[in-house]
Each structure stands twice: as structure tokens, then as C-alpha cells.
Amino acid sequence: MSFFKQTPKVSTDPAKIREFLTRGVERVYPTVEAFEKELLKGKRLTLYYGIDPTGSTLHLGHASNLLKLREFQDLGHEVIILYGGFTAQIGDPTDKLATRQPLTSAQVKKNTSSYKKLIGLILDLGKANIKFLDNEEWSNKLKPSDMMDIASHFTVAQLLERDMFQERIKQGKEIHLHEFLYPVFQAYDAVTMDVDVQLGGNDQTFNMLAGRTLMRKMKNKEKFVVSTKLLVDPTGKKMGKTEGNMVALSDTPTDVFGKVMSWPDGQILLGFELCTRVSASDLDAVKASLERGENPKNPKLRLAEEITALIYGKEKAIQARKDFDATFSEGKPQEFVEIKREGNPMGVLIEKGIVSSKTELRRLISAGAVTSLDSNTKLGEDFASSFPTGKYRIGKHRFIEIK
């Protein structure tokens, strides 16, 4: 199946190919060497990256993969962004010890409404070698006989190999059949689109390899899998909405800059590698300075500026840095997000990206990270329900005024 018309000439530049295969990449299947050999042939390949629309925005974890897609796009190959309109209604069980709450088709469509614009901050939507698809288009057309045929290529033992399923079994927790079949449906996506490559975070490796298995069995075709490093904090926790430490691509420039500055120093190098376009020599220089024991503040400031520029451009990144300097060097916040007390202030806080959930707000309150700027006091649990008028600092870098 071809989804593309005219596309750019394919590049076989060895340095650019090596950059694509190594930077931010954990593993390539079957091997880096096999995929590199294929790329050097100059044949145009099709790669897909899937996003289950479980939230209303995208974050830096997505951006790190979108940067890899941009490298592939710039090499002249074809890129498919696949929305999981169908699979999001199942709920990916990856790393989940409890069944995900399934989404409705309407919720999925609402969540994806802003995705294309956000993806366009990194990928070149003006080129002919990018396409957006939704797996609801073909998955909902499957007949029972189709499902029997697809499922026959997998064994129960294969699907039970998933780490989170093994952990649930140990804990006596249920595994529902619909989530058990999640990798089967995702595998069918690759077969339907007849892609050559799938790229995704290393937490998706099991699902991506299922697609590789199904491609061999149904089409007798090799599918390469590029498993990328995850943007994690020094404890190994993913940066995202689940952990409440998300840097959203829809955040304001000031918030993006401030959130990155709040990262622990141990995350600086990974942030440069996954979330910026700085050169390999620059990465080496940052690593050397940190290893010499130099003050990490300067590389972190650069990292915050580079990430903000990636989303909003250089000019707004420079202004965000000035705002940050004014806030923390002079103690004078330059920008307050205005919240109306009437209506649903908690909902507005989430909508504007101040916090990701009420749970995160309560966690910040418990940690003493919510402060009244009027009285210079830390606030208690009642703040999350009463929302009194005034000016407040939430965390290190978010300032709101409740009116």
C-alpha cells in the first residue's frame, strides 16, 4: 500500500545515516549493521511512529522521537504518523499493573485535535514524504474470520512474555483479554501499511517486535525496528503525564524553560541527546565539562534554551531565558497566569498546563512547593479545594494569580 506521491531524493550520506542509527537509539532489530546496509542502498523506505491519543497534548517524550523522524524525513524517506484511534480505545498495558481506562472514539478525536500542529513544530509538514493515518480506519473493518487469521500467528506463551503481565500474575491481578490482544492489533497496523521500519520508545519494544513477527509470517517481509531511549529522570521514571513531570509541547515558552531548569543535574546529558539538535561535538563538550566538575547551571541554561527554541524558535527562547533570569535572579516574576475563582479553577490549572492533575497539585502542596507570594507562606491542603484569591508560586517556576 502506498500513501505517498512525489517525495524528495533519498540521501545516502554515511554520517547522517550513522547519526540516525545511533543518537538516542537503544537498539535496532535485527541489527544496526543490517539496517545501515539497507539505508546505504538508497532505496526509499517507509517508517511509522504510532501515538495512542490518551492525552490532549504531546510532550518532550514524543518530541525526542519526532526528532528521529525528522532525521529520517530529511534523508528523503517516507514517514507515517499513526494515530491509535482504535488501539487507544483498548489501552496499551505497557508498564501498567492495572487495566487502563478505555477511551471512547469521541475522546480520541478530541485529544488528537491539536496533535498535527504540535508535530509540525518539529517535522516539515510542507514536504510530500509525511502522512497522517488512523488505525481506526482499518481495525474497525476486521471481521471475526480476519481476527482469527491474525491471532493464529501468535501463541499465548508469546503474549504472556510481557513483563507487566508476568508481574500481574505474581500479584494475582487480572489480565483482560482486550489488553492481552493489544500487541496483536498494533502488529496488524504494520502489516496493513506495509511499512519497512517502525520507531518507538524502548517501552514499546514488545509491541514493535510483535509487528515484526506478523510481517514475516503474513508478508514474508523484513521489518526493521528502531527502539529509542526514553526521556527519564535519574531514578529511571519516565518524564510524562503519568509521573506528573511532563513538559508539554503546548506549554508557554516560560514554562518550558522553567520546567527544564527544574530537572535534576543528572538529566542534563540525556536531555541534550534526546531533545535538542546540538552537534555530537557539542554533546561531548557538555559531557566533558560535567565530568570536570564544572557548575552544571550553565549547561542546564543552554539545554533549557535549546529545548524552548526547538518548540518556539530562538527569539522566544531568548525571551524565556530573560524571564527566568528576572524571576530567579531578582525574585520578580514577569508573568502570572490568571485564573478565575468562579467556575472550575482546578480545570483551568490543568488546561493551562500549570499542573497535570489534582493529584500533582496535592503532591506539590505536601512537598511545601505551593507558596502565597502575598504572605510568603507555604499553603496547606485546603488550597486545592478553596482556591483563595491572591498570587501564588507553584513549584519553582509557575506563577498564578487567582482573581
Protein backbone atom coordinates (compact mmCIF):
# COMPACT_ATOMS: atom_id res chain seq x y z
CA MET A 1 0.00 0.00 0.00
CA SER A 2 1.45 3.41 -0.97
CA PHE A 3 0.32 6.58 0.79
CA PHE A 4 2.75 8.95 -0.93
CA LYS A 5 3.04 10.82 -4.22
CA GLN A 6 6.22 12.71 -5.09
CA THR A 7 8.93 12.53 -2.46
CA PRO A 8 12.44 14.01 -2.13
CA LYS A 9 15.60 12.31 -3.36
CA VAL A 10 16.98 9.77 -0.88
CA SER A 11 20.30 10.65 0.77
CA THR A 12 22.95 8.00 1.40
CA ASP A 13 25.23 10.31 3.39
CA PRO A 14 27.02 7.83 5.74
CA ALA A 15 27.44 10.38 8.55
CA LYS A 16 23.74 11.31 8.57
CA ILE A 17 22.70 7.66 8.43
CA ARG A 18 25.01 6.81 11.32
CA GLU A 19 23.58 9.74 13.32
CA PHE A 20 20.05 8.43 12.74
CA LEU A 21 21.01 4.91 13.80
CA THR A 22 22.90 5.83 16.97
CA ARG A 23 21.84 9.09 18.60
CA GLY A 24 19.13 8.47 21.17
CA VAL A 25 18.80 4.87 19.96
CA GLU A 26 18.89 1.94 22.38
CA ARG A 27 18.71 -0.92 19.90
CA VAL A 28 17.96 -1.73 16.27
CA TYR A 29 16.38 -5.03 15.17
CA PRO A 30 17.61 -7.25 13.70
CA THR A 31 20.94 -5.31 13.84
CA VAL A 32 22.30 -1.82 13.28
CA GLU A 33 24.58 -3.19 10.58
CA ALA A 34 21.71 -4.77 8.62
CA PHE A 35 19.65 -1.58 8.70
CA GLU A 36 22.65 0.60 7.85
CA LYS A 37 23.38 -1.58 4.83
CA GLU A 38 19.77 -1.16 3.66
CA LEU A 39 19.86 2.62 4.10
CA LEU A 40 23.12 2.91 2.15
CA LYS A 41 21.45 1.29 -0.88
CA GLY A 42 19.47 4.50 -1.44
CA LYS A 43 16.12 2.73 -1.61
CA ARG A 44 13.23 4.82 -0.30
CA LEU A 45 11.82 3.28 2.89
CA THR A 46 8.63 3.91 4.84
CA LEU A 47 8.78 4.32 8.61
CA TYR A 48 5.89 4.65 11.01
CA TYR A 49 5.58 6.03 14.51
CA GLY A 50 2.40 5.40 16.46
CA ILE A 51 0.77 7.66 19.03
CA ASP A 52 -2.15 6.49 21.14
CA PRO A 53 -4.14 9.70 21.83
CA THR A 54 -4.50 9.22 25.60
CA GLY A 55 -3.96 12.92 26.41
CA SER A 56 -4.89 16.30 24.99
CA THR A 57 -1.31 17.33 24.23
CA LEU A 58 2.10 15.92 23.32
CA HIS A 59 5.22 16.20 25.46
CA LEU A 60 9.01 16.04 25.26
CA GLY A 61 8.91 12.24 25.30
CA HIS A 62 7.11 12.47 21.95
CA ALA A 63 9.45 15.23 20.77
CA SER A 64 12.51 13.04 21.23
CA ASN A 65 11.01 10.52 18.78
CA LEU A 66 9.77 13.25 16.44
CA LEU A 67 13.36 14.48 16.14
CA LYS A 68 14.36 10.99 14.94
CA LEU A 69 11.50 11.09 12.43
CA ARG A 70 12.73 14.47 11.19
CA GLU A 71 16.18 12.97 10.58
CA PHE A 72 14.57 10.16 8.57
CA GLN A 73 12.37 12.63 6.71
CA ASP A 74 15.39 14.80 5.85
CA LEU A 75 17.15 11.72 4.45
CA GLY A 76 14.31 11.63 1.91
CA HIS A 77 12.43 8.62 3.26
CA GLU A 78 8.70 8.44 3.96
CA VAL A 79 7.23 8.97 7.43
CA ILE A 80 3.79 7.93 8.68
CA ILE A 81 2.38 9.33 11.92
CA LEU A 82 -0.21 6.79 13.00
CA TYR A 83 -2.88 7.85 15.48
CA GLY A 84 -4.11 4.92 17.53
CA GLY A 85 -7.78 5.79 17.22
CA PHE A 86 -8.64 2.13 17.68
CA THR A 87 -5.83 0.94 19.96
CA ALA A 88 -6.34 3.88 22.34
CA GLN A 89 -9.83 2.51 22.93
CA ILE A 90 -8.19 -0.72 24.14
CA GLY A 91 -5.49 0.95 26.23
CA ASP A 92 -1.84 -0.03 25.94
CA PRO A 93 -0.97 -2.16 29.01
CA THR A 94 2.74 -1.24 28.82
CA ASP A 95 4.14 -0.79 32.35
CA LYS A 96 0.62 -0.88 33.80
CA LEU A 97 -0.17 -3.12 36.76
CA ALA A 98 -3.86 -2.27 36.39
CA THR A 99 -6.08 -2.17 33.32
CA ARG A 100 -6.15 1.21 31.57
CA GLN A 101 -9.43 3.05 31.39
CA PRO A 102 -10.51 2.67 27.75
CA LEU A 103 -11.30 5.83 25.78
CA THR A 104 -14.30 6.48 23.57
CA SER A 105 -13.95 7.37 19.90
CA ALA A 106 -15.12 10.91 20.71
CA GLN A 107 -12.44 11.32 23.41
CA VAL A 108 -9.77 10.12 20.99
CA LYS A 109 -10.82 12.62 18.32
CA LYS A 110 -10.86 15.44 20.85
CA ASN A 111 -7.37 14.53 22.07
CA THR A 112 -5.89 14.44 18.57
CA SER A 113 -7.31 17.82 17.55
CA SER A 114 -4.06 19.65 18.42
CA TYR A 115 -1.54 16.93 17.54
CA LYS A 116 -0.83 17.84 13.93
CA LYS A 117 0.01 21.43 14.82
CA LEU A 118 2.35 20.30 17.61
CA ILE A 119 4.02 17.71 15.39
CA GLY A 120 4.55 20.45 12.81
CA LEU A 121 6.81 22.23 15.30
CA ILE A 122 9.43 19.54 14.59
CA LEU A 123 8.53 17.75 11.36
CA ASP A 124 8.24 19.51 7.99
CA LEU A 125 4.56 19.20 7.11
CA GLY A 126 5.16 21.02 3.83
CA LYS A 127 7.02 18.06 2.35
CA ALA A 128 5.33 15.25 0.46
CA ASN A 129 7.03 12.50 2.46
CA ILE A 130 4.86 12.69 5.58
CA LYS A 131 1.39 11.28 6.09
CA PHE A 132 -1.08 11.12 9.00
CA LEU A 133 -3.24 8.00 9.36
CA ASP A 134 -5.56 6.49 11.99
CA ASN A 135 -5.72 2.74 12.68
CA GLU A 136 -9.45 3.03 13.38
CA GLU A 137 -9.80 3.23 9.59
CA TRP A 138 -8.92 -0.46 9.08
CA SER A 139 -9.22 -2.07 12.51
CA ASN A 140 -12.96 -1.45 12.74
CA LYS A 141 -13.41 -3.22 9.40
CA LEU A 142 -11.96 -6.52 10.61
CA LYS A 143 -14.37 -9.46 10.51
CA PRO A 144 -14.24 -12.30 13.06
CA SER A 145 -12.60 -14.51 10.42
CA ASP A 146 -9.90 -11.83 9.90
CA MET A 147 -9.24 -11.69 13.63
CA MET A 148 -8.94 -15.47 13.81
CA ASP A 149 -6.42 -15.45 10.98
CA ILE A 150 -4.28 -12.67 12.53
CA ALA A 151 -4.39 -14.16 16.04
CA SER A 152 -3.38 -17.59 14.71
CA HIS A 153 0.15 -16.27 14.12
CA PHE A 154 0.73 -15.76 17.85
CA THR A 155 0.78 -18.11 20.82
CA VAL A 156 -0.50 -17.44 24.33
CA ALA A 157 3.02 -18.08 25.64
CA GLN A 158 4.44 -15.36 23.35
CA LEU A 159 1.98 -12.74 24.56
CA LEU A 160 2.43 -13.72 28.21
CA GLU A 161 6.13 -12.89 27.97
CA ARG A 162 5.33 -9.21 28.60
CA ASP A 163 6.95 -8.06 31.84
CA MET A 164 3.86 -6.33 33.16
CA PHE A 165 1.72 -9.42 32.56
CA GLN A 166 4.21 -11.56 34.46
CA GLU A 167 4.12 -9.04 37.31
CA ARG A 168 0.33 -9.04 37.39
CA ILE A 169 0.29 -12.83 37.56
CA LYS A 170 2.70 -12.71 40.51
CA GLN A 171 0.46 -10.19 42.27
CA GLY A 172 -2.72 -12.11 41.50
CA LYS A 173 -4.09 -9.31 39.32
CA GLU A 174 -6.30 -9.79 36.29
CA ILE A 175 -5.25 -9.59 32.65
CA HIS A 176 -8.20 -8.71 30.45
CA LEU A 177 -8.46 -10.27 27.02
CA HIS A 178 -8.75 -6.94 25.17
CA GLU A 179 -5.41 -5.67 26.55
CA PHE A 180 -3.86 -9.10 26.03
CA LEU A 181 -4.60 -8.63 22.31
CA TYR A 182 -3.22 -5.08 22.17
CA PRO A 183 0.13 -6.07 20.57
CA VAL A 184 -1.76 -8.18 18.01
CA PHE A 185 -3.72 -5.15 16.81
CA GLN A 186 -0.62 -2.98 16.78
CA ALA A 187 1.23 -5.65 14.80
CA TYR A 188 -1.58 -5.62 12.24
CA ASP A 189 -1.05 -1.88 11.74
CA ALA A 190 2.46 -2.51 10.39
CA VAL A 191 1.19 -5.23 8.05
CA THR A 192 -1.70 -3.11 6.75
CA MET A 193 0.55 -0.14 5.97
CA ASP A 194 3.25 -2.47 4.60
CA VAL A 195 5.99 -0.40 6.26
CA ASP A 196 9.72 -1.08 6.25
CA VAL A 197 10.53 0.42 9.65
CA GLN A 198 8.83 1.10 12.98
CA LEU A 199 10.25 3.53 15.51
CA GLY A 200 9.21 3.94 19.14
CA GLY A 201 10.38 4.19 22.72
CA ASN A 202 12.05 1.15 24.26
CA ASP A 203 8.95 0.56 26.37
CA GLN A 204 7.21 -0.32 23.09
CA THR A 205 9.78 -2.93 22.02
CA PHE A 206 7.49 -5.91 22.73
CA ASN A 207 4.69 -4.41 20.62
CA MET A 208 7.04 -3.43 17.79
CA LEU A 209 8.62 -6.89 17.67
CA ALA A 210 5.14 -8.41 17.50
CA GLY A 211 4.68 -6.41 14.32
CA ARG A 212 7.99 -7.70 13.03
CA THR A 213 6.82 -11.27 13.68
CA LEU A 214 3.48 -10.74 11.94
CA MET A 215 5.11 -9.03 8.95
CA ARG A 216 7.37 -12.04 8.38
CA LYS A 217 4.50 -14.52 8.71
CA MET A 218 1.88 -12.66 6.64
CA LYS A 219 4.07 -10.91 4.06
CA ASN A 220 7.41 -12.72 4.24
CA LYS A 221 8.99 -9.28 4.66
CA GLU A 222 11.68 -7.89 6.93
CA LYS A 223 10.57 -5.02 9.16
CA PHE A 224 13.27 -3.06 10.94
CA VAL A 225 12.59 -1.84 14.46
CA VAL A 226 14.30 1.20 15.98
CA SER A 227 13.92 1.22 19.77
CA THR A 228 14.77 4.63 21.21
CA LYS A 229 15.92 5.71 24.65
CA LEU A 230 13.26 7.11 26.95
CA LEU A 231 13.43 10.55 28.50
CA VAL A 232 13.73 9.52 32.14
CA ASP A 233 14.81 11.18 35.36
CA PRO A 234 17.87 9.87 37.26
CA THR A 235 15.65 7.37 39.13
CA GLY A 236 14.51 5.83 35.84
CA LYS A 237 10.98 7.24 35.88
CA LYS A 238 9.60 8.34 32.52
CA MET A 239 9.04 12.06 32.00
CA GLY A 240 5.37 12.26 31.17
CA LYS A 241 1.83 12.84 32.31
CA THR A 242 1.65 9.67 34.41
CA GLU A 243 4.51 10.78 36.66
CA GLY A 244 3.34 14.41 36.79
CA ASN A 245 6.65 15.76 35.45
CA MET A 246 5.56 16.43 31.88
CA VAL A 247 6.97 19.22 29.73
CA ALA A 248 4.17 19.66 27.19
CA LEU A 249 4.74 20.98 23.68
CA SER A 250 1.75 23.24 24.37
CA ASP A 251 3.34 24.82 27.47
CA THR A 252 4.28 28.50 27.24
CA PRO A 253 7.94 29.31 26.44
CA THR A 254 8.41 30.50 30.01
CA ASP A 255 7.01 27.25 31.41
CA VAL A 256 9.08 25.06 29.10
CA PHE A 257 12.24 26.91 30.10
CA GLY A 258 11.41 26.83 33.80
CA LYS A 259 10.43 23.16 33.85
CA VAL A 260 13.68 22.12 32.19
CA MET A 261 15.62 24.22 34.70
CA SER A 262 13.89 22.26 37.47
CA TRP A 263 15.29 18.97 36.16
CA PRO A 264 17.96 17.28 38.28
CA ASP A 265 21.52 17.78 37.06
CA GLY A 266 21.79 14.09 36.22
CA GLN A 267 19.32 14.59 33.40
CA ILE A 268 21.29 17.24 31.50
CA LEU A 269 23.20 14.96 29.14
CA LEU A 270 20.18 12.81 28.27
CA GLY A 271 18.16 15.98 27.65
CA PHE A 272 20.76 17.27 25.19
CA GLU A 273 20.95 13.92 23.40
CA LEU A 274 17.22 13.32 23.03
CA CYS A 275 15.61 16.75 22.92
CA THR A 276 17.98 19.04 21.01
CA ARG A 277 19.72 19.30 17.66
CA VAL A 278 23.13 20.23 19.08
CA SER A 279 26.06 18.51 17.37
CA ALA A 280 27.86 15.42 18.63
CA SER A 281 30.94 17.54 19.36
CA ASP A 282 28.82 19.89 21.49
CA LEU A 283 27.44 16.89 23.37
CA ASP A 284 30.98 15.71 24.04
CA ALA A 285 31.94 19.18 25.28
CA VAL A 286 29.00 19.30 27.72
CA LYS A 287 29.85 15.82 28.98
CA ALA A 288 33.50 16.78 29.50
CA SER A 289 32.58 19.94 31.44
CA LEU A 290 30.28 17.98 33.77
CA GLU A 291 32.91 15.31 34.29
CA ARG A 292 35.41 18.05 35.25
CA GLY A 293 33.03 19.08 37.99
CA GLU A 294 32.15 22.45 36.49
CA ASN A 295 28.96 24.20 37.63
CA PRO A 296 26.04 22.44 35.84
CA LYS A 297 23.96 25.61 35.83
CA ASN A 298 25.39 26.93 32.56
CA PRO A 299 24.83 23.75 30.51
CA LYS A 300 21.35 23.47 32.01
CA LEU A 301 20.56 27.03 30.97
CA ARG A 302 21.69 26.19 27.46
CA LEU A 303 19.62 22.99 27.49
CA ALA A 304 16.52 24.92 28.55
CA GLU A 305 17.11 27.47 25.81
CA GLU A 306 17.72 24.80 23.14
CA ILE A 307 14.54 22.90 24.04
CA THR A 308 12.45 26.08 24.16
CA ALA A 309 13.89 27.11 20.78
CA LEU A 310 13.03 23.70 19.34
CA ILE A 311 9.36 24.36 20.08
CA TYR A 312 9.04 28.14 19.80
CA GLY A 313 12.09 29.42 17.93
CA LYS A 314 15.22 31.25 19.03
CA GLU A 315 13.65 34.63 19.72
CA LYS A 316 11.06 33.33 22.19
CA ALA A 317 13.66 31.08 23.80
CA ILE A 318 15.91 34.07 24.48
CA GLN A 319 12.98 35.95 25.99
CA ALA A 320 12.09 32.94 28.15
CA ARG A 321 15.65 32.92 29.47
CA LYS A 322 15.41 36.62 30.28
CA ASP A 323 12.14 35.99 32.12
CA PHE A 324 13.75 33.16 34.05
CA ASP A 325 16.76 35.28 34.99
CA ALA A 326 14.50 38.10 36.12
CA THR A 327 12.38 35.73 38.20
CA PHE A 328 15.14 33.87 39.96
CA SER A 329 17.96 36.39 39.99
CA GLU A 330 15.87 39.34 41.01
CA GLY A 331 12.96 37.45 42.61
CA LYS A 332 10.42 39.27 40.42
CA PRO A 333 8.09 37.06 38.40
CA GLN A 334 7.47 38.53 34.95
CA GLU A 335 4.41 36.52 34.01
CA PHE A 336 1.39 35.37 36.01
CA VAL A 337 -1.24 33.01 34.60
CA GLU A 338 -4.61 34.46 35.51
CA ILE A 339 -7.18 32.05 37.00
CA LYS A 340 -10.80 32.98 37.66
CA ARG A 341 -12.07 31.72 41.03
CA GLU A 342 -15.58 31.31 39.69
CA GLY A 343 -16.29 28.16 37.72
CA ASN A 344 -13.66 25.45 37.74
CA PRO A 345 -10.21 26.77 38.76
CA MET A 346 -8.79 23.25 39.04
CA GLY A 347 -9.79 22.52 35.47
CA VAL A 348 -8.19 25.76 34.29
CA LEU A 349 -4.94 24.89 36.09
CA ILE A 350 -4.82 21.59 34.18
CA GLU A 351 -5.90 23.15 30.88
CA LYS A 352 -3.17 25.81 31.08
CA GLY A 353 -0.52 23.23 31.96
CA ILE A 354 0.19 24.58 35.45
CA VAL A 355 -0.31 21.08 36.84
CA SER A 356 -1.20 17.83 35.10
CA SER A 357 -3.80 16.71 37.64
CA LYS A 358 -5.30 17.37 41.07
CA THR A 359 -3.05 14.60 42.34
CA GLU A 360 0.03 16.52 41.21
CA LEU A 361 -1.23 19.71 42.90
CA ARG A 362 -1.76 17.85 46.18
CA ARG A 363 1.70 16.31 45.87
CA LEU A 364 3.24 19.76 45.40
CA ILE A 365 1.30 21.08 48.39
CA SER A 366 2.52 18.17 50.53
CA ALA A 367 6.09 18.91 49.44
CA GLY A 368 5.74 22.56 50.51
CA ALA A 369 6.04 23.70 46.90
CA VAL A 370 2.93 25.90 46.76
CA THR A 371 3.54 29.35 48.24
CA SER A 372 1.50 32.51 48.69
CA LEU A 373 3.53 35.42 47.31
CA ASP A 374 1.30 37.86 49.22
CA SER A 375 2.08 36.40 52.66
CA ASN A 376 5.26 34.46 51.79
CA THR A 377 3.83 31.31 53.41
CA LYS A 378 3.53 27.72 52.27
CA LEU A 379 -0.05 26.60 51.69
CA GLY A 380 -1.93 23.63 53.10
CA GLU A 381 -4.27 21.02 51.69
CA ASP A 382 -7.28 23.36 51.73
CA PHE A 383 -5.78 25.39 48.88
CA ALA A 384 -6.70 22.61 46.42
CA SER A 385 -10.38 23.00 47.26
CA SER A 386 -10.85 26.65 48.25
CA PHE A 387 -8.56 28.49 45.78
CA PRO A 388 -8.50 31.84 47.63
CA THR A 389 -7.69 34.96 45.63
CA GLY A 390 -4.08 36.11 45.50
CA LYS A 391 -0.72 35.49 43.82
CA TYR A 392 0.99 32.13 44.16
CA ARG A 393 4.11 30.24 43.16
CA ILE A 394 3.50 26.58 42.25
CA GLY A 395 6.72 24.61 42.16
CA LYS A 396 9.81 26.58 41.21
CA HIS A 397 8.70 28.26 38.04
CA ARG A 398 4.91 28.55 37.78
CA PHE A 399 3.15 31.70 38.91
CA ILE A 400 -0.60 32.19 39.03
CA GLU A 401 -2.95 34.92 40.13
CA ILE A 402 -6.40 33.85 41.30
CA LYS A 403 -8.98 36.58 40.94
